[in-house]
C-alpha atoms as a PDB file:
ATOM      1  CA  MET A   1      19.252 -20.817  54.451  1.00  0.00           C
ATOM      2  CA  SER A   2      20.315 -16.689  54.906  1.00  0.00           C
ATOM      3  CA  ALA A   3      18.108 -13.935  53.314  1.00  0.00           C
ATOM      4  CA  VAL A   4      19.233 -13.309  49.422  1.00  0.00           C
ATOM      5  CA  TYR A   5      19.056  -9.882  48.216  1.00  0.00           C
ATOM      6  CA  TRP A   6      16.294  -9.038  45.779  1.00  0.00           C
ATOM      7  CA  LEU A   7      17.626  -6.428  43.443  1.00  0.00           C
ATOM      8  CA  ASP A   8      15.858  -2.864  42.839  1.00  0.00           C
ATOM      9  CA  PRO A   9      14.340  -3.068  39.395  1.00  0.00           C
ATOM     10  CA  ASP A  10      15.171   0.336  38.753  1.00  0.00           C
ATOM     11  CA  SER A  11      18.541   0.453  40.008  1.00  0.00           C
ATOM     12  CA  PRO A  12      21.722  -1.533  39.031  1.00  0.00           C
ATOM     13  CA  GLU A  13      23.531  -1.465  42.282  1.00  0.00           C
ATOM     14  CA  PHE A  14      24.456  -5.057  43.784  1.00  0.00           C
ATOM     15  CA  PRO A  15      24.808  -5.566  47.215  1.00  0.00           C
ATOM     16  CA  PRO A  16      28.264  -6.085  48.891  1.00  0.00           C
ATOM     17  CA  LEU A  17      30.099  -9.271  47.851  1.00  0.00           C
ATOM     18  CA  GLN A  18      30.314 -10.552  51.467  1.00  0.00           C
ATOM     19  CA  ALA A  19      26.527 -10.826  51.247  1.00  0.00           C
ATOM     20  CA  ALA A  20      26.961 -13.809  49.255  1.00  0.00           C
ATOM     21  CA  LEU A  21      25.990 -17.128  50.674  1.00  0.00           C
ATOM     22  CA  THR A  22      28.170 -20.073  51.293  1.00  0.00           C
ATOM     23  CA  GLU A  23      25.698 -22.421  50.591  1.00  0.00           C
ATOM     24  CA  PRO A  24      24.975 -22.448  47.414  1.00  0.00           C
ATOM     25  CA  ASN A  25      28.153 -21.406  46.978  1.00  0.00           C
ATOM     26  CA  GLY A  26      28.046 -17.418  46.055  1.00  0.00           C
ATOM     27  CA  LEU A  27      24.455 -16.669  45.297  1.00  0.00           C
ATOM     28  CA  LEU A  28      24.184 -12.964  46.086  1.00  0.00           C
ATOM     29  CA  ALA A  29      21.047 -11.636  44.596  1.00  0.00           C
ATOM     30  CA  VAL A  30      17.827 -12.143  42.885  1.00  0.00           C
ATOM     31  CA  GLY A  31      15.975 -10.295  40.459  1.00  0.00           C
ATOM     32  CA  GLY A  32      16.453  -7.440  38.426  1.00  0.00           C
ATOM     33  CA  ASP A  33      17.120  -7.736  34.436  1.00  0.00           C
ATOM     34  CA  LEU A  34      19.606  -8.463  31.918  1.00  0.00           C
ATOM     35  CA  GLY A  35      20.102  -4.993  30.272  1.00  0.00           C
ATOM     36  CA  PRO A  36      23.299  -3.779  29.352  1.00  0.00           C
ATOM     37  CA  GLU A  37      23.683  -1.556  32.368  1.00  0.00           C
ATOM     38  CA  ARG A  38      23.374  -3.997  34.980  1.00  0.00           C
ATOM     39  CA  LEU A  39      25.170  -6.651  33.143  1.00  0.00           C
ATOM     40  CA  LEU A  40      28.318  -4.207  32.887  1.00  0.00           C
ATOM     41  CA  ALA A  41      27.725  -3.334  36.549  1.00  0.00           C
ATOM     42  CA  ALA A  42      27.771  -6.843  37.658  1.00  0.00           C
ATOM     43  CA  TYR A  43      30.608  -8.171  35.385  1.00  0.00           C
ATOM     44  CA  ARG A  44      32.912  -5.258  36.673  1.00  0.00           C
ATOM     45  CA  ARG A  45      32.178  -6.318  40.201  1.00  0.00           C
ATOM     46  CA  GLY A  46      32.936 -10.215  39.380  1.00  0.00           C
ATOM     47  CA  ILE A  47      29.135 -10.834  39.456  1.00  0.00           C
ATOM     48  CA  PHE A  48      27.428 -13.178  36.816  1.00  0.00           C
ATOM     49  CA  PRO A  49      23.891 -14.327  36.162  1.00  0.00           C
ATOM     50  CA  TRP A  50      23.285 -18.258  36.135  1.00  0.00           C
ATOM     51  CA  TYR A  51      19.514 -19.693  36.487  1.00  0.00           C
ATOM     52  CA  GLU A  52      17.329 -22.005  34.786  1.00  0.00           C
ATOM     53  CA  ASP A  53      13.519 -21.309  33.717  1.00  0.00           C
ATOM     54  CA  PRO A  54      11.219 -21.230  35.481  1.00  0.00           C
ATOM     55  CA  GLN A  55      13.867 -19.497  38.218  1.00  0.00           C
ATOM     56  CA  PRO A  56      14.199 -15.692  38.742  1.00  0.00           C
ATOM     57  CA  ILE A  57      17.192 -14.375  37.560  1.00  0.00           C
ATOM     58  CA  LEU A  58      20.266 -15.468  40.050  1.00  0.00           C
ATOM     59  CA  TRP A  59      23.396 -13.508  40.289  1.00  0.00           C
ATOM     60  CA  TRP A  60      26.588 -15.228  41.572  1.00  0.00           C
ATOM     61  CA  SER A  61      29.897 -14.397  43.187  1.00  0.00           C
ATOM     62  CA  PRO A  62      31.524 -17.961  44.077  1.00  0.00           C
ATOM     63  CA  ASP A  63      34.705 -18.120  46.464  1.00  0.00           C
ATOM     64  CA  PRO A  64      36.724 -19.531  45.362  1.00  0.00           C
ATOM     65  CA  ARG A  65      36.868 -18.301  41.739  1.00  0.00           C
ATOM     66  CA  ALA A  66      38.471 -20.249  38.924  1.00  0.00           C
ATOM     67  CA  VAL A  67      40.936 -17.948  36.617  1.00  0.00           C
ATOM     68  CA  LEU A  68      43.306 -18.168  33.955  1.00  0.00           C
ATOM     69  CA  PHE A  69      46.014 -16.077  33.136  1.00  0.00           C
ATOM     70  CA  PRO A  70      46.427 -15.998  29.536  1.00  0.00           C
ATOM     71  CA  ALA A  71      50.406 -15.687  30.025  1.00  0.00           C
ATOM     72  CA  ASN A  72      50.188 -18.872  31.728  1.00  0.00           C
ATOM     73  CA  VAL A  73      48.049 -21.129  29.615  1.00  0.00           C
ATOM     74  CA  HIS A  74      49.332 -24.714  29.333  1.00  0.00           C
ATOM     75  CA  ILE A  75      49.001 -26.395  25.971  1.00  0.00           C
ATOM     76  CA  SER A  76      49.905 -29.958  26.023  1.00  0.00           C
ATOM     77  CA  ARG A  77      52.019 -31.645  23.551  1.00  0.00           C
ATOM     78  CA  SER A  78      49.077 -33.343  21.945  1.00  0.00           C
ATOM     79  CA  LEU A  79      47.272 -30.225  21.527  1.00  0.00           C
ATOM     80  CA  ARG A  80      50.200 -28.694  20.272  1.00  0.00           C
ATOM     81  CA  LYS A  81      50.278 -31.546  17.649  1.00  0.00           C
ATOM     82  CA  MET A  82      46.757 -31.069  16.812  1.00  0.00           C
ATOM     83  CA  ARG A  83      47.285 -27.399  16.052  1.00  0.00           C
ATOM     84  CA  ARG A  84      50.054 -28.082  14.167  1.00  0.00           C
ATOM     85  CA  ARG A  85      48.143 -30.563  11.577  1.00  0.00           C
ATOM     86  CA  GLY A  86      45.854 -27.834  10.529  1.00  0.00           C
ATOM     87  CA  GLU A  87      42.697 -29.655  10.918  1.00  0.00           C
ATOM     88  CA  LEU A  88      40.705 -27.034  12.680  1.00  0.00           C
ATOM     89  CA  SER A  89      40.582 -23.297  11.990  1.00  0.00           C
ATOM     90  CA  VAL A  90      39.511 -20.697  14.359  1.00  0.00           C
ATOM     91  CA  THR A  91      38.161 -17.164  13.871  1.00  0.00           C
ATOM     92  CA  PHE A  92      36.895 -14.475  16.249  1.00  0.00           C
ATOM     93  CA  ASP A  93      33.306 -12.445  16.415  1.00  0.00           C
ATOM     94  CA  LYS A  94      32.542 -14.019  12.861  1.00  0.00           C
ATOM     95  CA  ALA A  95      29.366 -16.059  14.236  1.00  0.00           C
ATOM     96  CA  PHE A  96      28.411 -15.106  17.548  1.00  0.00           C
ATOM     97  CA  ARG A  97      24.762 -16.032  17.175  1.00  0.00           C
ATOM     98  CA  ARG A  98      25.629 -19.815  16.031  1.00  0.00           C
ATOM     99  CA  VAL A  99      28.262 -19.810  18.823  1.00  0.00           C
ATOM    100  CA  ILE A 100      25.773 -18.983  21.877  1.00  0.00           C
ATOM    101  CA  ARG A 101      23.122 -21.374  20.356  1.00  0.00           C
ATOM    102  CA  GLY A 102      25.665 -23.943  20.195  1.00  0.00           C
ATOM    103  CA  CYS A 103      26.319 -23.555  23.727  1.00  0.00           C
ATOM    104  CA  ALA A 104      22.921 -23.692  24.728  1.00  0.00           C
ATOM    105  CA  THR A 105      21.935 -26.555  22.514  1.00  0.00           C
ATOM    106  CA  LEU A 106      24.846 -28.692  24.039  1.00  0.00           C
ATOM    107  CA  ASP A 107      23.480 -27.859  27.428  1.00  0.00           C
ATOM    108  CA  LEU A 108      20.182 -28.765  26.610  1.00  0.00           C
ATOM    109  CA  SER A 109      20.982 -31.893  25.524  1.00  0.00           C
ATOM    110  CA  ARG A 110      22.666 -32.943  28.761  1.00  0.00           C
ATOM    111  CA  SER A 111      20.382 -31.706  31.620  1.00  0.00           C
ATOM    112  CA  GLY A 112      18.626 -28.696  30.626  1.00  0.00           C
ATOM    113  CA  THR A 113      20.294 -25.162  29.754  1.00  0.00           C
ATOM    114  CA  TRP A 114      21.060 -22.417  31.971  1.00  0.00           C
ATOM    115  CA  ILE A 115      21.168 -20.274  28.470  1.00  0.00           C
ATOM    116  CA  THR A 116      17.795 -19.182  28.493  1.00  0.00           C
ATOM    117  CA  SER A 117      16.051 -17.151  25.593  1.00  0.00           C
ATOM    118  CA  ASP A 118      16.428 -14.133  27.753  1.00  0.00           C
ATOM    119  CA  MET A 119      20.174 -14.627  28.522  1.00  0.00           C
ATOM    120  CA  LEU A 120      20.645 -15.484  24.682  1.00  0.00           C
ATOM    121  CA  ASN A 121      19.100 -12.019  23.853  1.00  0.00           C
ATOM    122  CA  ALA A 122      20.931 -10.406  26.525  1.00  0.00           C
ATOM    123  CA  TYR A 123      24.678 -11.666  25.439  1.00  0.00           C
ATOM    124  CA  ILE A 124      23.462 -10.836  21.516  1.00  0.00           C
ATOM    125  CA  ARG A 125      22.960  -7.459  22.615  1.00  0.00           C
ATOM    126  CA  MET A 126      25.936  -7.331  24.237  1.00  0.00           C
ATOM    127  CA  HIS A 127      28.093  -8.444  21.427  1.00  0.00           C
ATOM    128  CA  GLU A 128      26.074  -5.573  18.992  1.00  0.00           C
ATOM    129  CA  LEU A 129      27.249  -3.146  21.221  1.00  0.00           C
ATOM    130  CA  GLY A 130      31.088  -4.341  21.323  1.00  0.00           C
ATOM    131  CA  TRP A 131      31.173  -6.156  24.743  1.00  0.00           C
ATOM    132  CA  ALA A 132      30.676  -9.691  24.302  1.00  0.00           C
ATOM    133  CA  HIS A 133      32.744 -11.437  21.839  1.00  0.00           C
ATOM    134  CA  SER A 134      33.047 -14.976  20.322  1.00  0.00           C
ATOM    135  CA  VAL A 135      35.678 -17.557  19.420  1.00  0.00           C
ATOM    136  CA  GLU A 136      34.706 -20.186  16.405  1.00  0.00           C
ATOM    137  CA  VAL A 137      36.303 -23.367  15.808  1.00  0.00           C
ATOM    138  CA  TRP A 138      35.789 -24.718  12.267  1.00  0.00           C
ATOM    139  CA  ARG A 139      36.282 -28.047  10.273  1.00  0.00           C
ATOM    140  CA  ASP A 140      36.544 -26.847   6.894  1.00  0.00           C
ATOM    141  CA  GLN A 141      33.088 -24.854   6.772  1.00  0.00           C
ATOM    142  CA  GLU A 142      31.664 -26.775   9.293  1.00  0.00           C
ATOM    143  CA  LEU A 143      31.152 -25.045  13.112  1.00  0.00           C
ATOM    144  CA  VAL A 144      32.868 -27.797  15.528  1.00  0.00           C
ATOM    145  CA  GLY A 145      33.372 -25.643  18.532  1.00  0.00           C
ATOM    146  CA  GLY A 146      33.454 -22.417  20.328  1.00  0.00           C
ATOM    147  CA  LEU A 147      33.155 -20.201  23.350  1.00  0.00           C
ATOM    148  CA  TYR A 148      31.635 -16.616  24.109  1.00  0.00           C
ATOM    149  CA  GLY A 149      32.314 -14.078  26.597  1.00  0.00           C
ATOM    150  CA  MET A 150      32.430 -10.657  27.958  1.00  0.00           C
ATOM    151  CA  CYS A 151      35.957  -8.438  27.689  1.00  0.00           C
ATOM    152  CA  ILE A 152      36.023  -5.149  29.727  1.00  0.00           C
ATOM    153  CA  GLY A 153      39.183  -3.443  30.320  1.00  0.00           C
ATOM    154  CA  ARG A 154      41.864  -6.102  30.339  1.00  0.00           C
ATOM    155  CA  VAL A 155      39.746  -8.808  31.577  1.00  0.00           C
ATOM    156  CA  PHE A 156      37.957 -11.499  29.469  1.00  0.00           C
ATOM    157  CA  PHE A 157      34.802 -13.001  31.264  1.00  0.00           C
ATOM    158  CA  GLY A 158      34.586 -16.351  29.786  1.00  0.00           C
ATOM    159  CA  GLU A 159      30.742 -17.722  29.939  1.00  0.00           C
ATOM    160  CA  SER A 160      30.459 -21.261  27.909  1.00  0.00           C
ATOM    161  CA  MET A 161      32.260 -23.264  25.494  1.00  0.00           C
ATOM    162  CA  PHE A 162      31.081 -26.478  23.266  1.00  0.00           C
ATOM    163  CA  SER A 163      32.393 -29.037  21.134  1.00  0.00           C
ATOM    164  CA  ARG A 164      31.251 -31.015  18.514  1.00  0.00           C
ATOM    165  CA  VAL A 165      34.612 -33.031  17.776  1.00  0.00           C
ATOM    166  CA  SER A 166      37.456 -33.967  20.112  1.00  0.00           C
ATOM    167  CA  ASN A 167      39.448 -30.924  21.776  1.00  0.00           C
ATOM    168  CA  ALA A 168      37.759 -28.215  19.428  1.00  0.00           C
ATOM    169  CA  SER A 169      37.210 -25.974  22.769  1.00  0.00           C
ATOM    170  CA  LYS A 170      40.857 -26.739  23.801  1.00  0.00           C
ATOM    171  CA  VAL A 171      41.790 -25.259  20.302  1.00  0.00           C
ATOM    172  CA  GLY A 172      39.704 -22.422  20.545  1.00  0.00           C
ATOM    173  CA  LEU A 173      40.780 -21.403  24.263  1.00  0.00           C
ATOM    174  CA  ALA A 174      44.386 -22.112  23.184  1.00  0.00           C
ATOM    175  CA  THR A 175      44.109 -19.520  20.571  1.00  0.00           C
ATOM    176  CA  LEU A 176      42.192 -17.234  22.414  1.00  0.00           C
ATOM    177  CA  CYS A 177      44.740 -17.012  25.392  1.00  0.00           C
ATOM    178  CA  GLU A 178      47.638 -16.483  23.022  1.00  0.00           C
ATOM    179  CA  TRP A 179      45.970 -13.802  21.296  1.00  0.00           C
ATOM    180  CA  LEU A 180      44.586 -12.309  24.581  1.00  0.00           C
ATOM    181  CA  ASP A 181      48.020 -11.984  26.080  1.00  0.00           C
ATOM    182  CA  SER A 182      49.692 -10.501  22.850  1.00  0.00           C
ATOM    183  CA  GLN A 183      46.697  -7.833  23.359  1.00  0.00           C
ATOM    184  CA  GLY A 184      47.406  -7.092  26.787  1.00  0.00           C
ATOM    185  CA  VAL A 185      44.556  -8.848  28.386  1.00  0.00           C
ATOM    186  CA  GLU A 186      45.818 -10.030  31.612  1.00  0.00           C
ATOM    187  CA  LEU A 187      43.036 -11.913  33.247  1.00  0.00           C
ATOM    188  CA  ILE A 188      40.345 -14.682  31.759  1.00  0.00           C
ATOM    189  CA  ASP A 189      37.856 -15.231  34.527  1.00  0.00           C
ATOM    190  CA  CYS A 190      36.634 -18.928  34.311  1.00  0.00           C
ATOM    191  CA  GLN A 191      33.914 -18.428  37.170  1.00  0.00           C
ATOM    192  CA  VAL A 192      33.855 -22.171  38.470  1.00  0.00           C
ATOM    193  CA  GLY A 193      36.663 -24.569  37.444  1.00  0.00           C
ATOM    194  CA  ASN A 194      36.552 -27.989  35.926  1.00  0.00           C
ATOM    195  CA  PRO A 195      39.112 -30.659  34.919  1.00  0.00           C
ATOM    196  CA  HIS A 196      39.031 -29.251  31.176  1.00  0.00           C
ATOM    197  CA  LEU A 197      40.024 -25.669  32.561  1.00  0.00           C
ATOM    198  CA  TYR A 198      42.610 -26.699  34.986  1.00  0.00           C
ATOM    199  CA  SER A 199      44.261 -29.071  32.531  1.00  0.00           C
ATOM    200  CA  MET A 200      45.033 -25.679  30.646  1.00  0.00           C
ATOM    201  CA  GLY A 201      46.471 -23.793  33.428  1.00  0.00           C
ATOM    202  CA  ALA A 202      43.409 -22.397  35.553  1.00  0.00           C
ATOM    203  CA  GLU A 203      43.732 -22.045  39.300  1.00  0.00           C
ATOM    204  CA  ASP A 204      41.378 -21.033  42.048  1.00  0.00           C
ATOM    205  CA  ILE A 205      41.890 -17.788  43.755  1.00  0.00           C
ATOM    206  CA  THR A 206      40.132 -16.110  46.693  1.00  0.00           C
ATOM    207  CA  ARG A 207      37.144 -13.810  46.123  1.00  0.00           C
ATOM    208  CA  ARG A 208      39.094 -11.404  47.932  1.00  0.00           C
ATOM    209  CA  GLU A 209      41.985 -11.886  45.574  1.00  0.00           C
ATOM    210  CA  PHE A 210      39.758 -11.856  42.278  1.00  0.00           C
ATOM    211  CA  SER A 211      38.013  -8.625  43.309  1.00  0.00           C
ATOM    212  CA  ARG A 212      41.566  -6.873  43.964  1.00  0.00           C
ATOM    213  CA  LEU A 213      42.650  -8.115  40.276  1.00  0.00           C
ATOM    214  CA  LEU A 214      39.167  -6.916  38.945  1.00  0.00           C
ATOM    215  CA  ASP A 215      39.823  -3.185  40.784  1.00  0.00           C
ATOM    216  CA  ALA A 216      43.114  -2.941  38.953  1.00  0.00           C
ATOM    217  CA  LEU A 217      42.116  -4.218  35.519  1.00  0.00           C
ATOM    218  CA  VAL A 218      38.731  -3.446  34.314  1.00  0.00           C
ATOM    219  CA  ASN A 219      39.001  -0.254  34.640  1.00  0.00           C
ATOM    220  CA  SER A 220      41.782   0.101  32.701  1.00  0.00           C
ATOM    221  CA  ASP A 221      41.852   1.453  29.327  1.00  0.00           C
ATOM    222  CA  PRO A 222      40.440  -1.276  26.962  1.00  0.00           C
ATOM    223  CA  ALA A 223      43.240  -3.800  25.697  1.00  0.00           C
ATOM    224  CA  ILE A 224      40.896  -4.408  22.700  1.00  0.00           C
ATOM    225  CA  ARG A 225      38.482  -2.296  20.813  1.00  0.00           C
ATOM    226  CA  GLY A 226      35.397  -2.863  18.653  1.00  0.00           C
ATOM    227  CA  ARG A 227      35.092  -6.133  16.635  1.00  0.00           C
ATOM    228  CA  TRP A 228      37.780  -8.857  17.152  1.00  0.00           C
ATOM    229  CA  ALA A 229      39.843 -10.258  14.290  1.00  0.00           C
ATOM    230  CA  LEU A 230      42.341 -13.225  14.612  1.00  0.00           C
ATOM    231  CA  GLU A 231      45.449 -12.046  11.944  1.00  0.00           C
END
């Protein structure tokens, strides 16, 4: 395996994306920290942290990259019917800590979680600073699903989602896509695709194309400022 770049603890700089490994796909760098400065520097270049204890922090830029254009979200007939029934309701930024912990707990029940305590605290801090946001899906007063991610410029960087009842995360994602489109956000980064995301319109693009889109969108005036509120 090729050598992996170790980050300078005193600098938020990352190596060129072309230095990412092909196996494992997209591993770019190791080390550093999860402070706001480094996280913002990473996301602006399409780099994200993903690791498990006791590993060091691993930074990734996979090729291809899964993305979803909010304007092109596919909402199936059955999902439309489910939303019309009104059994589930959606809010934004009402329970960030509960959502990220829900994602971590679901992962842990499967095969261990990549949402370590350091990751959890880092994204809670980004939420407090106005960069990270949550989508909550409720059945009456019970949180049954949700997702969270970062929004920079006109890009939403999705991190993780969970469902405790069938299709709860799909309801949340569909609502998020419609709202982001109405607010001028043009791209959702899905990182790595899966059947759930592809069924809703996600597609794979090259790292080069993803970087081109980021260059045009992350440095735009923020589409949405402050805490989110679903009208």
